[in-house]
């Protein structure tokens, strides 16, 4: 079995990303943090052994990232876009794992574990501390169709995703819980978990201005 890594992301445009960081951040500061988180995530994905790496993007980047393929998101809502990302990248005999851009603390070791578990499990699911999920892997990407009926961005998204997958008879292996960067408190906590990340360095630069607002 071969594996591929997908990253779901928005282009870091001020006023369109990480709006829950404002205040105390300005829209431009929030966009800089989003860009740093995406850079960290892509660096981790590039360093993780996989047959293919794809950035599934909403919007346009000024500079396309090296080492990954670029694919536009399609669909009306997040659930639809996630299902489409799996469908658009599906290949025979290839398992897919998707992560977002909100967990810059994501490590090569954790991604490697996720991909290895897909050798024996039908799916792997990493819950997020806010009730959502940060990563989903499917040995058969066609099962991502189950996501279309799951309400996204709620405190029950993780559990309802798990229920939708198990309702299809899938064996779902758990991954460690991670904290998404949604609020400024999340940003501070995640930066402490990954002190050498670009995200942490960017937050350290912006934090005096952000706290002053």
C-alpha atoms as a PDB file:
ATOM      1  CA  UNK A   1       0.000   0.000   0.000  1.00  0.00           C
ATOM      2  CA  UNK A   2       1.230   3.477  -0.848  1.00  0.00           C
ATOM      3  CA  UNK A   3       0.257   6.629   1.015  1.00  0.00           C
ATOM      4  CA  UNK A   4      -0.313  10.277   0.258  1.00  0.00           C
ATOM      5  CA  UNK A   5      -0.600  13.363   2.449  1.00  0.00           C
ATOM      6  CA  UNK A   6      -3.132  16.130   1.873  1.00  0.00           C
ATOM      7  CA  UNK A   7      -3.194  19.546   3.528  1.00  0.00           C
ATOM      8  CA  UNK A   8      -6.452  21.519   3.518  1.00  0.00           C
ATOM      9  CA  UNK A   9      -5.715  25.224   3.711  1.00  0.00           C
ATOM     10  CA  UNK A  10      -6.860  28.758   2.982  1.00  0.00           C
ATOM     11  CA  UNK A  11      -4.574  31.307   1.398  1.00  0.00           C
ATOM     12  CA  UNK A  12      -3.423  33.604   4.249  1.00  0.00           C
ATOM     13  CA  UNK A  13      -5.310  36.724   3.193  1.00  0.00           C
ATOM     14  CA  UNK A  14      -5.974  39.384   5.877  1.00  0.00           C
ATOM     15  CA  UNK A  15      -9.595  39.396   6.918  1.00  0.00           C
ATOM     16  CA  UNK A  16     -10.237  35.902   5.525  1.00  0.00           C
ATOM     17  CA  UNK A  17      -8.147  33.668   7.795  1.00  0.00           C
ATOM     18  CA  UNK A  18      -7.863  33.278  11.546  1.00  0.00           C
ATOM     19  CA  UNK A  19     -10.461  35.983  12.169  1.00  0.00           C
ATOM     20  CA  UNK A  20     -11.040  34.638  15.692  1.00  0.00           C
ATOM     21  CA  UNK A  21      -7.559  35.891  16.589  1.00  0.00           C
ATOM     22  CA  UNK A  22      -8.890  39.439  16.110  1.00  0.00           C
ATOM     23  CA  UNK A  23      -8.717  41.012  18.598  1.00  0.00           C
ATOM     24  CA  UNK A  24      -6.109  41.128  20.005  1.00  0.00           C
ATOM     25  CA  UNK A  25      -4.440  40.559  16.613  1.00  0.00           C
ATOM     26  CA  UNK A  26      -5.051  42.775  13.623  1.00  0.00           C
ATOM     27  CA  UNK A  27      -6.204  41.055  10.414  1.00  0.00           C
ATOM     28  CA  UNK A  28      -2.681  41.387   8.995  1.00  0.00           C
ATOM     29  CA  UNK A  29      -1.153  39.848  12.117  1.00  0.00           C
ATOM     30  CA  UNK A  30      -3.639  36.973  11.994  1.00  0.00           C
ATOM     31  CA  UNK A  31      -2.769  36.366   8.342  1.00  0.00           C
ATOM     32  CA  UNK A  32       0.945  36.290   9.195  1.00  0.00           C
ATOM     33  CA  UNK A  33       0.280  33.663  11.847  1.00  0.00           C
ATOM     34  CA  UNK A  34      -1.796  31.650   9.380  1.00  0.00           C
ATOM     35  CA  UNK A  35       1.026  31.809   6.837  1.00  0.00           C
ATOM     36  CA  UNK A  36       3.519  30.646   9.468  1.00  0.00           C
ATOM     37  CA  UNK A  37       1.275  27.762  10.501  1.00  0.00           C
ATOM     38  CA  UNK A  38       0.895  26.695   6.881  1.00  0.00           C
ATOM     39  CA  UNK A  39       4.663  26.891   6.327  1.00  0.00           C
ATOM     40  CA  UNK A  40       5.318  24.707   9.381  1.00  0.00           C
ATOM     41  CA  UNK A  41       2.687  22.188   8.311  1.00  0.00           C
ATOM     42  CA  UNK A  42       4.034  21.905   4.778  1.00  0.00           C
ATOM     43  CA  UNK A  43       7.587  21.495   6.077  1.00  0.00           C
ATOM     44  CA  UNK A  44       6.413  18.592   8.236  1.00  0.00           C
ATOM     45  CA  UNK A  45       4.519  17.034   5.341  1.00  0.00           C
ATOM     46  CA  UNK A  46       7.522  17.327   3.016  1.00  0.00           C
ATOM     47  CA  UNK A  47       9.732  15.615   5.619  1.00  0.00           C
ATOM     48  CA  UNK A  48       7.313  12.701   6.090  1.00  0.00           C
ATOM     49  CA  UNK A  49       7.815   9.681   3.812  1.00  0.00           C
ATOM     50  CA  UNK A  50       4.869   9.474   1.399  1.00  0.00           C
ATOM     51  CA  UNK A  51       4.322   8.778  -2.280  1.00  0.00           C
ATOM     52  CA  UNK A  52       2.578  12.114  -2.878  1.00  0.00           C
ATOM     53  CA  UNK A  53       1.948  15.398  -1.093  1.00  0.00           C
ATOM     54  CA  UNK A  54      -0.894  17.725  -2.075  1.00  0.00           C
ATOM     55  CA  UNK A  55      -1.895  21.172  -0.858  1.00  0.00           C
ATOM     56  CA  UNK A  56      -5.665  21.494  -1.350  1.00  0.00           C
ATOM     57  CA  UNK A  57      -6.070  25.243  -1.349  1.00  0.00           C
ATOM     58  CA  UNK A  58      -8.884  27.783  -1.147  1.00  0.00           C
ATOM     59  CA  UNK A  59      -7.567  30.950  -2.740  1.00  0.00           C
ATOM     60  CA  UNK A  60      -4.269  31.781  -4.407  1.00  0.00           C
ATOM     61  CA  UNK A  61      -0.737  31.853  -3.001  1.00  0.00           C
ATOM     62  CA  UNK A  62       1.706  34.514  -4.124  1.00  0.00           C
ATOM     63  CA  UNK A  63       4.431  31.881  -4.239  1.00  0.00           C
ATOM     64  CA  UNK A  64       3.513  28.216  -4.831  1.00  0.00           C
ATOM     65  CA  UNK A  65       5.164  25.980  -2.213  1.00  0.00           C
ATOM     66  CA  UNK A  66       7.970  23.683  -3.269  1.00  0.00           C
ATOM     67  CA  UNK A  67       7.711  19.929  -2.880  1.00  0.00           C
ATOM     68  CA  UNK A  68       3.921  19.642  -2.996  1.00  0.00           C
ATOM     69  CA  UNK A  69       1.293  19.542  -5.704  1.00  0.00           C
ATOM     70  CA  UNK A  70      -1.339  22.261  -5.690  1.00  0.00           C
ATOM     71  CA  UNK A  71      -5.035  21.444  -6.056  1.00  0.00           C
ATOM     72  CA  UNK A  72      -7.913  23.919  -5.752  1.00  0.00           C
ATOM     73  CA  UNK A  73     -10.653  23.200  -3.255  1.00  0.00           C
ATOM     74  CA  UNK A  74     -14.122  22.628  -4.634  1.00  0.00           C
ATOM     75  CA  UNK A  75     -17.500  22.330  -2.960  1.00  0.00           C
ATOM     76  CA  UNK A  76     -20.016  24.480  -1.109  1.00  0.00           C
ATOM     77  CA  UNK A  77     -18.997  23.826   2.507  1.00  0.00           C
ATOM     78  CA  UNK A  78     -16.087  22.349   4.432  1.00  0.00           C
ATOM     79  CA  UNK A  79     -17.608  18.864   4.548  1.00  0.00           C
ATOM     80  CA  UNK A  80     -18.142  18.908   0.790  1.00  0.00           C
ATOM     81  CA  UNK A  81     -14.635  20.270   0.158  1.00  0.00           C
ATOM     82  CA  UNK A  82     -13.040  17.586   2.334  1.00  0.00           C
ATOM     83  CA  UNK A  83     -14.920  14.806   0.548  1.00  0.00           C
ATOM     84  CA  UNK A  84     -13.934  16.317  -2.796  1.00  0.00           C
ATOM     85  CA  UNK A  85     -10.265  16.537  -1.765  1.00  0.00           C
ATOM     86  CA  UNK A  86     -10.201  12.815  -1.035  1.00  0.00           C
ATOM     87  CA  UNK A  87     -12.082  12.021  -4.249  1.00  0.00           C
ATOM     88  CA  UNK A  88      -9.935  14.268  -6.467  1.00  0.00           C
ATOM     89  CA  UNK A  89      -6.677  12.725  -5.243  1.00  0.00           C
ATOM     90  CA  UNK A  90      -7.798   9.107  -4.938  1.00  0.00           C
ATOM     91  CA  UNK A  91      -5.624   6.508  -6.629  1.00  0.00           C
ATOM     92  CA  UNK A  92      -5.899   2.691  -6.659  1.00  0.00           C
ATOM     93  CA  UNK A  93      -4.057   1.091  -3.759  1.00  0.00           C
ATOM     94  CA  UNK A  94      -3.211   4.468  -2.194  1.00  0.00           C
ATOM     95  CA  UNK A  95      -4.312   5.493   1.284  1.00  0.00           C
ATOM     96  CA  UNK A  96      -4.875   9.187   1.983  1.00  0.00           C
ATOM     97  CA  UNK A  97      -4.356  11.269   5.096  1.00  0.00           C
ATOM     98  CA  UNK A  98      -5.604  14.845   5.361  1.00  0.00           C
ATOM     99  CA  UNK A  99      -4.588  17.467   7.906  1.00  0.00           C
ATOM    100  CA  UNK A 100      -5.397  21.139   8.210  1.00  0.00           C
ATOM    101  CA  UNK A 101      -3.176  24.191   8.663  1.00  0.00           C
ATOM    102  CA  UNK A 102      -4.282  24.863  12.253  1.00  0.00           C
ATOM    103  CA  UNK A 103      -1.826  22.528  14.035  1.00  0.00           C
ATOM    104  CA  UNK A 104       1.711  23.810  13.385  1.00  0.00           C
ATOM    105  CA  UNK A 105       2.910  21.589  16.236  1.00  0.00           C
ATOM    106  CA  UNK A 106       2.255  18.559  14.030  1.00  0.00           C
ATOM    107  CA  UNK A 107       5.362  16.379  13.837  1.00  0.00           C
ATOM    108  CA  UNK A 108       6.907  13.989  11.331  1.00  0.00           C
ATOM    109  CA  UNK A 109       6.767  11.259  13.973  1.00  0.00           C
ATOM    110  CA  UNK A 110       3.015  11.659  14.455  1.00  0.00           C
ATOM    111  CA  UNK A 111       2.293  11.728  10.720  1.00  0.00           C
ATOM    112  CA  UNK A 112       4.445   8.643  10.246  1.00  0.00           C
ATOM    113  CA  UNK A 113       2.494   6.816  12.941  1.00  0.00           C
ATOM    114  CA  UNK A 114      -0.773   7.836  11.279  1.00  0.00           C
ATOM    115  CA  UNK A 115       0.301   6.443   7.915  1.00  0.00           C
ATOM    116  CA  UNK A 116       1.613   3.215   9.425  1.00  0.00           C
ATOM    117  CA  UNK A 117      -1.668   2.587  11.238  1.00  0.00           C
ATOM    118  CA  UNK A 118      -3.476   2.728   7.903  1.00  0.00           C
ATOM    119  CA  UNK A 119      -1.694  -0.508   6.996  1.00  0.00           C
ATOM    120  CA  UNK A 120      -3.946  -2.354   9.443  1.00  0.00           C
ATOM    121  CA  UNK A 121      -6.869   0.000  10.167  1.00  0.00           C
ATOM    122  CA  UNK A 122      -9.518   1.160   7.718  1.00  0.00           C
ATOM    123  CA  UNK A 123      -9.202   4.710   9.026  1.00  0.00           C
ATOM    124  CA  UNK A 124      -7.330   6.832  11.543  1.00  0.00           C
ATOM    125  CA  UNK A 125      -8.773   9.900  13.253  1.00  0.00           C
ATOM    126  CA  UNK A 126      -7.062  12.547  15.355  1.00  0.00           C
ATOM    127  CA  UNK A 127      -9.457  14.492  17.552  1.00  0.00           C
ATOM    128  CA  UNK A 128      -8.939  18.172  18.322  1.00  0.00           C
ATOM    129  CA  UNK A 129      -9.300  19.659  21.790  1.00  0.00           C
ATOM    130  CA  UNK A 130     -12.214  21.842  20.663  1.00  0.00           C
ATOM    131  CA  UNK A 131     -14.337  18.845  19.661  1.00  0.00           C
ATOM    132  CA  UNK A 132     -13.380  18.769  16.006  1.00  0.00           C
ATOM    133  CA  UNK A 133     -10.600  16.765  14.409  1.00  0.00           C
ATOM    134  CA  UNK A 134      -7.169  17.704  13.098  1.00  0.00           C
ATOM    135  CA  UNK A 135      -6.424  14.709  10.878  1.00  0.00           C
ATOM    136  CA  UNK A 136      -8.221  11.902   9.068  1.00  0.00           C
ATOM    137  CA  UNK A 137      -6.744   8.997   7.162  1.00  0.00           C
ATOM    138  CA  UNK A 138      -8.606   6.525   4.959  1.00  0.00           C
ATOM    139  CA  UNK A 139      -7.195   3.369   3.445  1.00  0.00           C
ATOM    140  CA  UNK A 140      -9.948   3.646   0.830  1.00  0.00           C
ATOM    141  CA  UNK A 141     -10.510   7.375   0.142  1.00  0.00           C
ATOM    142  CA  UNK A 142     -13.949   6.655  -1.307  1.00  0.00           C
ATOM    143  CA  UNK A 143     -15.267   6.418   2.258  1.00  0.00           C
ATOM    144  CA  UNK A 144     -14.756  10.179   2.572  1.00  0.00           C
ATOM    145  CA  UNK A 145     -18.250  10.483   1.112  1.00  0.00           C
ATOM    146  CA  UNK A 146     -19.411   9.906   4.703  1.00  0.00           C
ATOM    147  CA  UNK A 147     -18.136  13.381   5.597  1.00  0.00           C
ATOM    148  CA  UNK A 148     -20.783  15.105   3.503  1.00  0.00           C
ATOM    149  CA  UNK A 149     -23.395  14.456   6.209  1.00  0.00           C
ATOM    150  CA  UNK A 150     -21.231  15.631   9.121  1.00  0.00           C
ATOM    151  CA  UNK A 151     -21.693  19.217  10.398  1.00  0.00           C
ATOM    152  CA  UNK A 152     -18.248  20.825  10.523  1.00  0.00           C
ATOM    153  CA  UNK A 153     -16.752  23.356  12.944  1.00  0.00           C
ATOM    154  CA  UNK A 154     -18.876  22.308  15.919  1.00  0.00           C
ATOM    155  CA  UNK A 155     -18.045  20.824  19.305  1.00  0.00           C
ATOM    156  CA  UNK A 156     -19.469  17.495  18.064  1.00  0.00           C
ATOM    157  CA  UNK A 157     -17.703  17.286  14.698  1.00  0.00           C
ATOM    158  CA  UNK A 158     -15.093  14.801  15.881  1.00  0.00           C
ATOM    159  CA  UNK A 159     -17.545  12.387  17.453  1.00  0.00           C
ATOM    160  CA  UNK A 160     -19.993  12.678  14.565  1.00  0.00           C
ATOM    161  CA  UNK A 161     -17.186  11.986  12.092  1.00  0.00           C
ATOM    162  CA  UNK A 162     -16.241   8.892  14.071  1.00  0.00           C
ATOM    163  CA  UNK A 163     -19.880   7.780  14.103  1.00  0.00           C
ATOM    164  CA  UNK A 164     -20.229   8.321  10.346  1.00  0.00           C
ATOM    165  CA  UNK A 165     -17.149   6.211   9.644  1.00  0.00           C
ATOM    166  CA  UNK A 166     -18.059   3.388  12.018  1.00  0.00           C
ATOM    167  CA  UNK A 167     -21.577   3.340  10.530  1.00  0.00           C
ATOM    168  CA  UNK A 168     -19.882   2.272   7.296  1.00  0.00           C
ATOM    169  CA  UNK A 169     -18.317  -0.653   9.154  1.00  0.00           C
ATOM    170  CA  UNK A 170     -14.841   0.892   9.243  1.00  0.00           C
ATOM    171  CA  UNK A 171     -12.265   0.085  11.904  1.00  0.00           C
ATOM    172  CA  UNK A 172     -11.121   3.538  13.071  1.00  0.00           C
ATOM    173  CA  UNK A 173      -7.825   3.789  14.969  1.00  0.00           C
ATOM    174  CA  UNK A 174      -7.389   6.840  17.217  1.00  0.00           C
ATOM    175  CA  UNK A 175      -4.514   9.304  17.015  1.00  0.00           C
ATOM    176  CA  UNK A 176      -3.357  11.650  19.797  1.00  0.00           C
ATOM    177  CA  UNK A 177      -5.478  14.706  20.451  1.00  0.00           C
ATOM    178  CA  UNK A 178      -4.038  18.051  19.306  1.00  0.00           C
ATOM    179  CA  UNK A 179      -5.019  21.651  19.940  1.00  0.00           C
ATOM    180  CA  UNK A 180      -6.110  23.743  16.970  1.00  0.00           C
ATOM    181  CA  UNK A 181      -5.148  27.389  16.695  1.00  0.00           C
ATOM    182  CA  UNK A 182      -8.493  29.163  16.760  1.00  0.00           C
ATOM    183  CA  UNK A 183      -8.139  31.821  19.455  1.00  0.00           C
ATOM    184  CA  UNK A 184      -5.202  33.861  20.713  1.00  0.00           C
ATOM    185  CA  UNK A 185      -5.019  31.636  23.810  1.00  0.00           C
ATOM    186  CA  UNK A 186      -4.713  28.641  21.472  1.00  0.00           C
ATOM    187  CA  UNK A 187      -1.915  30.391  19.588  1.00  0.00           C
ATOM    188  CA  UNK A 188       0.055  30.984  22.779  1.00  0.00           C
ATOM    189  CA  UNK A 189      -0.422  27.397  23.953  1.00  0.00           C
ATOM    190  CA  UNK A 190       0.548  25.873  20.603  1.00  0.00           C
ATOM    191  CA  UNK A 191       3.633  28.084  20.316  1.00  0.00           C
ATOM    192  CA  UNK A 192       4.791  26.706  23.666  1.00  0.00           C
ATOM    193  CA  UNK A 193       4.373  23.171  22.345  1.00  0.00           C
ATOM    194  CA  UNK A 194       6.478  23.971  19.266  1.00  0.00           C
ATOM    195  CA  UNK A 195       8.958  26.631  20.429  1.00  0.00           C
ATOM    196  CA  UNK A 196      11.264  26.184  17.428  1.00  0.00           C
ATOM    197  CA  UNK A 197       8.535  26.529  14.837  1.00  0.00           C
ATOM    198  CA  UNK A 198       8.070  29.426  12.448  1.00  0.00           C
ATOM    199  CA  UNK A 199       4.671  29.870  14.075  1.00  0.00           C
ATOM    200  CA  UNK A 200       6.228  30.433  17.511  1.00  0.00           C
ATOM    201  CA  UNK A 201       8.786  32.849  16.092  1.00  0.00           C
ATOM    202  CA  UNK A 202       6.084  34.821  14.287  1.00  0.00           C
ATOM    203  CA  UNK A 203       3.916  34.976  17.392  1.00  0.00           C
ATOM    204  CA  UNK A 204       6.885  36.240  19.417  1.00  0.00           C
ATOM    205  CA  UNK A 205       7.345  39.057  16.899  1.00  0.00           C
ATOM    206  CA  UNK A 206       3.673  40.004  16.833  1.00  0.00           C
ATOM    207  CA  UNK A 207       2.697  39.436  20.442  1.00  0.00           C
ATOM    208  CA  UNK A 208       3.752  42.840  21.872  1.00  0.00           C
ATOM    209  CA  UNK A 209       1.617  44.624  19.242  1.00  0.00           C
ATOM    210  CA  UNK A 210      -1.228  42.171  19.640  1.00  0.00           C
ATOM    211  CA  UNK A 211      -1.331  42.529  23.433  1.00  0.00           C
ATOM    212  CA  UNK A 212      -1.257  46.293  23.153  1.00  0.00           C
ATOM    213  CA  UNK A 213      -4.515  46.378  21.204  1.00  0.00           C
END
